[in-house]
Protein backbone atom coordinates (compact mmCIF):
# COMPACT_ATOMS: atom_id res chain seq x y z
CA MET A 1 0.21 -0.03 -0.06
CA ASN A 2 1.00 3.52 -0.94
CA SER A 3 1.04 5.90 1.70
CA PRO A 4 -0.41 9.53 1.33
CA LYS A 5 3.06 10.84 1.16
CA GLU A 6 3.97 8.58 -1.17
CA ILE A 7 0.79 8.62 -3.69
CA ALA A 8 1.32 12.78 -3.18
CA GLU A 9 5.00 12.36 -4.51
CA GLN A 10 3.67 10.11 -7.40
CA TYR A 11 1.33 12.32 -8.29
CA ILE A 12 3.79 15.55 -9.41
CA LYS A 13 4.80 12.79 -12.38
CA ILE A 14 1.09 11.35 -13.05
CA GLY A 15 0.08 15.05 -13.16
CA GLU A 16 3.37 16.08 -15.54
CA GLY A 17 2.29 12.64 -17.94
CA LYS A 18 -1.41 14.45 -17.76
CA THR A 19 -0.74 17.65 -19.60
CA ARG A 20 1.55 16.39 -21.73
CA LEU A 21 -0.93 14.46 -23.75
CA SER A 22 -1.54 15.34 -27.44
CA VAL A 23 -4.90 17.08 -27.76
CA LEU A 24 -6.21 14.30 -30.10
CA GLN A 25 -5.18 12.01 -27.12
CA THR A 26 -6.35 14.03 -24.30
CA LEU A 27 -9.63 14.61 -26.73
CA ILE A 28 -10.47 10.64 -26.77
CA LEU A 29 -10.02 9.87 -22.90
CA GLY A 30 -12.16 12.83 -22.67
CA VAL A 31 -14.55 11.37 -24.58
CA MET A 32 -14.27 7.65 -23.26
CA ALA A 33 -14.76 8.67 -19.14
CA GLY A 34 -17.68 10.47 -20.21
CA MET A 35 -18.94 7.41 -21.79
CA PHE A 36 -17.88 5.03 -19.02
CA ILE A 37 -19.60 7.47 -16.17
CA ALA A 38 -22.61 7.82 -18.65
CA LEU A 39 -22.91 4.00 -18.47
CA ALA A 40 -22.20 4.14 -14.91
CA GLY A 41 -25.45 6.66 -14.57
CA ALA A 42 -27.46 5.30 -16.97
CA GLY A 43 -26.37 1.17 -15.64
CA ALA A 44 -27.80 3.14 -11.80
CA THR A 45 -31.15 5.00 -13.56
CA VAL A 46 -32.31 1.31 -14.87
CA ALA A 47 -31.35 -0.82 -11.64
CA GLY A 48 -33.52 2.13 -9.25
CA VAL A 49 -36.77 2.46 -11.19
CA SER A 50 -36.64 -1.61 -11.12
CA VAL A 51 -36.99 -1.40 -7.40
CA GLU A 52 -40.45 -0.01 -5.16
CA ALA A 53 -39.15 1.67 -2.58
CA PRO A 54 -37.73 4.61 -3.06
CA SER A 55 -35.10 4.75 -0.21
CA VAL A 56 -33.59 1.33 -1.48
CA ALA A 57 -34.16 2.18 -5.38
CA LYS A 58 -31.50 5.56 -4.57
CA LEU A 59 -28.83 2.88 -2.56
CA VAL A 60 -29.30 0.47 -5.07
CA GLY A 61 -28.67 3.28 -7.77
CA ALA A 62 -25.03 4.31 -5.17
CA VAL A 63 -24.06 0.77 -4.82
CA ILE A 64 -23.86 -0.12 -8.68
CA PHE A 65 -22.44 3.73 -10.00
CA PRO A 66 -18.74 3.25 -8.66
CA GLY A 67 -18.78 0.82 -11.90
CA GLY A 68 -17.89 4.16 -13.86
CA LEU A 69 -15.36 5.33 -11.23
CA ALA A 70 -13.76 2.37 -11.47
CA MET A 71 -13.60 2.08 -15.41
CA VAL A 72 -12.15 5.28 -15.94
CA LEU A 73 -9.12 4.64 -13.30
CA ILE A 74 -8.42 0.82 -14.06
CA ALA A 75 -9.58 0.85 -18.30
CA GLY A 76 -7.24 4.38 -18.74
CA SER A 77 -9.30 7.56 -19.30
CA GLU A 78 -8.92 11.51 -18.97
CA LEU A 79 -11.98 12.79 -15.84
CA PHE A 80 -12.40 16.73 -15.82
CA THR A 81 -13.31 15.69 -11.41
CA GLY A 82 -10.52 13.92 -11.13
CA ASN A 83 -7.74 15.62 -12.88
CA CYS A 84 -8.83 18.62 -10.76
CA LEU A 85 -6.09 17.48 -8.19
CA LEU A 86 -3.43 19.01 -11.43
CA ILE A 87 -3.00 21.36 -8.43
CA ILE A 88 -0.38 18.97 -7.39
CA PRO A 89 2.30 19.24 -10.06
CA LEU A 90 1.00 23.21 -10.00
CA LEU A 91 1.93 24.19 -6.48
CA GLU A 92 4.74 22.19 -6.55
CA LYS A 93 5.95 24.36 -9.99
CA LYS A 94 6.17 21.02 -12.25
CA VAL A 95 3.71 21.93 -14.46
CA THR A 96 2.18 25.50 -15.59
CA LEU A 97 -1.22 27.07 -15.49
CA PRO A 98 -2.51 27.22 -18.79
CA ALA A 99 -0.71 23.71 -19.10
CA VAL A 100 -3.12 22.39 -16.74
CA LEU A 101 -5.66 24.34 -18.32
CA ARG A 102 -5.49 23.33 -21.47
CA ASN A 103 -5.69 19.74 -19.92
CA LEU A 104 -8.87 20.51 -17.93
CA ILE A 105 -11.12 22.54 -20.94
CA LEU A 106 -10.05 19.53 -23.83
CA VAL A 107 -10.45 16.45 -21.19
CA TYR A 108 -13.99 18.67 -19.88
CA LEU A 109 -15.10 18.98 -23.92
CA GLY A 110 -14.12 15.35 -24.62
CA ASN A 111 -16.27 14.14 -21.43
CA LEU A 112 -18.85 15.86 -23.01
CA ALA A 113 -19.04 14.39 -25.77
CA GLY A 114 -19.01 11.64 -24.67
CA GLY A 115 -21.86 11.66 -22.17
CA THR A 116 -23.43 13.25 -24.69
CA LEU A 117 -23.19 10.41 -26.96
CA VAL A 118 -24.30 7.48 -24.26
CA ALA A 119 -27.60 9.77 -23.24
CA ALA A 120 -28.04 9.95 -26.53
CA MET A 121 -28.03 6.55 -27.71
CA LEU A 122 -29.52 5.26 -24.86
CA VAL A 123 -32.61 7.27 -25.15
CA TYR A 124 -32.91 6.55 -29.67
CA SER A 125 -32.36 3.36 -28.99
CA HIS A 126 -35.75 3.20 -26.59
CA LEU A 127 -34.29 1.57 -23.91
CA PRO A 128 -36.27 3.87 -21.90
CA SER A 129 -39.20 2.31 -22.71
CA LEU A 130 -38.14 0.55 -19.91
CA PHE A 131 -41.24 -0.14 -17.16
CA ALA A 132 -43.74 1.01 -19.22
CA GLU A 133 -42.12 3.86 -20.08
CA GLY A 134 -41.11 4.28 -16.22
CA LEU A 135 -37.69 4.75 -17.17
CA ALA A 136 -38.30 7.50 -19.51
CA LYS A 137 -40.15 9.67 -16.56
CA SER A 138 -37.39 8.65 -14.25
CA ILE A 139 -34.64 10.13 -16.50
CA VAL A 140 -36.85 13.24 -17.37
CA SER A 141 -37.38 13.43 -13.53
CA THR A 142 -34.11 13.78 -12.55
CA ALA A 143 -32.67 15.94 -14.92
CA VAL A 144 -36.01 17.96 -14.27
CA GLY A 145 -34.89 18.40 -10.84
CA LYS A 146 -30.97 18.69 -11.76
CA VAL A 147 -31.82 22.49 -13.19
CA SER A 148 -34.16 23.03 -10.45
CA MET A 149 -31.66 23.64 -7.99
CA THR A 150 -30.34 27.33 -7.08
CA PHE A 151 -27.17 27.93 -7.53
CA THR A 152 -26.23 28.03 -4.54
CA ASP A 153 -27.20 24.57 -3.78
CA ALA A 154 -25.14 23.73 -6.71
CA PHE A 155 -22.56 24.53 -5.91
CA LEU A 156 -22.24 23.78 -2.84
CA ARG A 157 -23.14 20.18 -3.77
CA GLY A 158 -20.57 20.17 -6.66
CA VAL A 159 -18.46 21.05 -3.56
CA LEU A 160 -19.34 18.41 -1.43
CA CYS A 161 -19.47 15.38 -4.62
CA ASN A 162 -15.31 16.41 -5.78
CA ILE A 163 -13.71 16.12 -2.19
CA LEU A 164 -14.76 12.79 -1.89
CA VAL A 165 -14.59 11.98 -5.77
CA CYS A 166 -11.18 13.26 -5.12
CA ILE A 167 -10.17 11.25 -2.32
CA ALA A 168 -12.25 8.08 -3.93
CA VAL A 169 -8.92 8.59 -6.44
CA TRP A 170 -6.39 9.18 -3.83
CA MET A 171 -7.76 5.87 -2.12
CA ALA A 172 -7.77 4.46 -5.24
CA PHE A 173 -3.59 5.17 -5.89
CA ALA A 174 -2.98 3.63 -2.70
CA ALA A 175 -3.95 0.65 -3.37
CA LYS A 176 -1.42 -1.99 -5.93
CA THR A 177 -3.74 -4.23 -7.09
CA VAL A 178 -6.53 -4.18 -8.86
CA ALA A 179 -9.39 -5.35 -5.80
CA GLY A 180 -7.68 -2.53 -3.74
CA LYS A 181 -8.15 -0.01 -6.93
CA LEU A 182 -11.89 -1.11 -6.76
CA THR A 183 -12.29 -1.36 -3.15
CA GLY A 184 -10.76 1.65 -2.07
CA LEU A 185 -12.46 4.21 -4.89
CA PHE A 186 -16.34 2.31 -4.05
CA PHE A 187 -17.37 3.88 -0.84
CA PRO A 188 -16.19 8.03 -1.35
CA VAL A 189 -18.41 7.95 -4.49
CA MET A 190 -21.23 5.96 -3.24
CA LEU A 191 -22.02 8.11 -0.56
CA PHE A 192 -21.90 10.70 -3.23
CA VAL A 193 -24.55 9.47 -5.03
CA LEU A 194 -26.60 8.30 -1.82
CA CYS A 195 -26.18 11.84 -0.45
CA GLY A 196 -27.18 13.63 -3.72
CA TYR A 197 -24.19 15.51 -4.43
CA GLU A 198 -23.47 17.00 -7.79
CA HIS A 199 -21.13 15.51 -9.98
CA VAL A 200 -20.50 17.56 -13.16
CA VAL A 201 -19.53 14.51 -15.92
CA ALA A 202 -22.27 12.30 -14.47
CA ASN A 203 -24.78 15.34 -15.25
CA MET A 204 -23.20 15.53 -18.57
CA TYR A 205 -25.57 12.43 -19.36
CA TYR A 206 -28.64 12.72 -16.78
CA ILE A 207 -29.57 16.53 -18.00
CA GLY A 208 -28.51 15.09 -21.35
CA ALA A 209 -30.69 12.04 -21.31
CA GLY A 210 -33.42 14.26 -20.05
CA LEU A 211 -33.48 16.61 -22.66
CA PHE A 212 -33.60 13.34 -25.82
CA ALA A 213 -36.54 11.35 -23.41
CA ALA A 214 -38.44 14.51 -23.05
CA GLN A 215 -38.75 15.23 -26.55
CA GLU A 216 -38.77 11.35 -27.51
CA TYR A 217 -41.28 10.72 -25.53
CA GLY A 218 -43.32 13.98 -25.50
CA LEU A 219 -43.00 13.68 -21.51
CA ALA A 220 -43.24 16.91 -19.60
CA ALA A 221 -40.02 18.75 -18.50
CA GLU A 222 -40.91 22.24 -16.61
CA GLY A 223 -37.81 24.05 -16.92
CA LEU A 224 -35.50 21.41 -18.44
CA SER A 225 -33.94 23.37 -21.37
CA LEU A 226 -30.17 23.87 -22.50
CA GLY A 227 -29.92 27.29 -21.45
CA SER A 228 -30.72 25.86 -17.63
CA TYR A 229 -28.60 23.27 -18.05
CA ALA A 230 -26.09 25.40 -18.48
CA ALA A 231 -26.93 28.44 -16.70
CA ALA A 232 -28.63 26.18 -13.43
CA ASN A 233 -26.32 23.45 -12.77
CA LEU A 234 -23.15 22.45 -15.55
CA LEU A 235 -22.01 26.25 -14.43
CA PRO A 236 -22.26 26.27 -10.52
CA VAL A 237 -21.35 22.47 -10.56
CA THR A 238 -18.19 22.61 -12.17
CA LEU A 239 -17.20 25.60 -10.47
CA GLY A 240 -17.73 24.27 -7.43
CA ASN A 241 -15.92 20.59 -8.28
CA ILE A 242 -13.62 22.27 -9.10
CA VAL A 243 -13.08 24.29 -5.29
CA GLY A 244 -14.11 21.04 -4.15
CA GLY A 245 -10.65 18.88 -6.04
CA ALA A 246 -8.24 22.13 -6.11
CA ALA A 247 -8.65 21.72 -1.89
CA VAL A 248 -7.99 18.63 -1.25
CA GLY A 249 -4.89 18.60 -3.54
CA ALA A 250 -3.93 21.67 -1.92
CA ALA A 251 -4.52 20.49 1.45
CA TYR A 252 -2.31 17.33 -0.03
CA TRP A 253 0.61 19.39 -1.51
CA ALA A 254 0.29 21.68 1.55
CA VAL A 255 0.50 18.65 4.28
CA TYR A 256 3.39 16.25 2.78
CA LEU A 257 5.33 17.96 -0.52
CA LYS A 258 5.76 21.98 0.35
CA LYS A 259 9.28 23.00 1.74
CA ARG A 260 9.59 24.61 4.78
């Protein structure tokens, strides 16, 4: 097992490697991560709709969703929320701010493309027809709920979410086996889903699927539009995720790497 100090030291080189990827490599790996998170979100929704008791359905979905981060870390891809830890090599002055911003922007765009692609494929393959269109109604309801929050609520839930996501990544790096990595990342991710915190890449799928499903199935979706998608959710949640992830990275840098 790697100690927290060893993880901090290793992440400097990991971060340097991320910023040295070409534009094409970064975009492709970003698309893959967006698809992995979207596929996990779809699985969590399907499983949740199949359970009648709402509390149990929420727990079942939370148990399934960590599969997304498992695919990201073990199969290999670039996830915006996890890459907020690039604050570590940035503070160590091993990478530049433009290089970090380049990585985050390209990964964000790739994640958006991957999540939207899965959302479109899921809806237009008519999978939401399952459970007498109960799945379609659940998808739209979830999307409406996400764009109906206040800016402050969405921001704070984004902060809390990425604290847990980056801790999940950190714990996965502590392990030296696949089984250990899966165990390490599982509980923080399960907690953020169970508590209803906001993950911007997951929302790229959830809200995208809601927009597609509302149109395809003629379902009422008050307040759900491209404008509310961007302004009421993506913007505040993105900012919150950046703050939460950067806080985790900066804290570990200050404890284990900052020169005294």
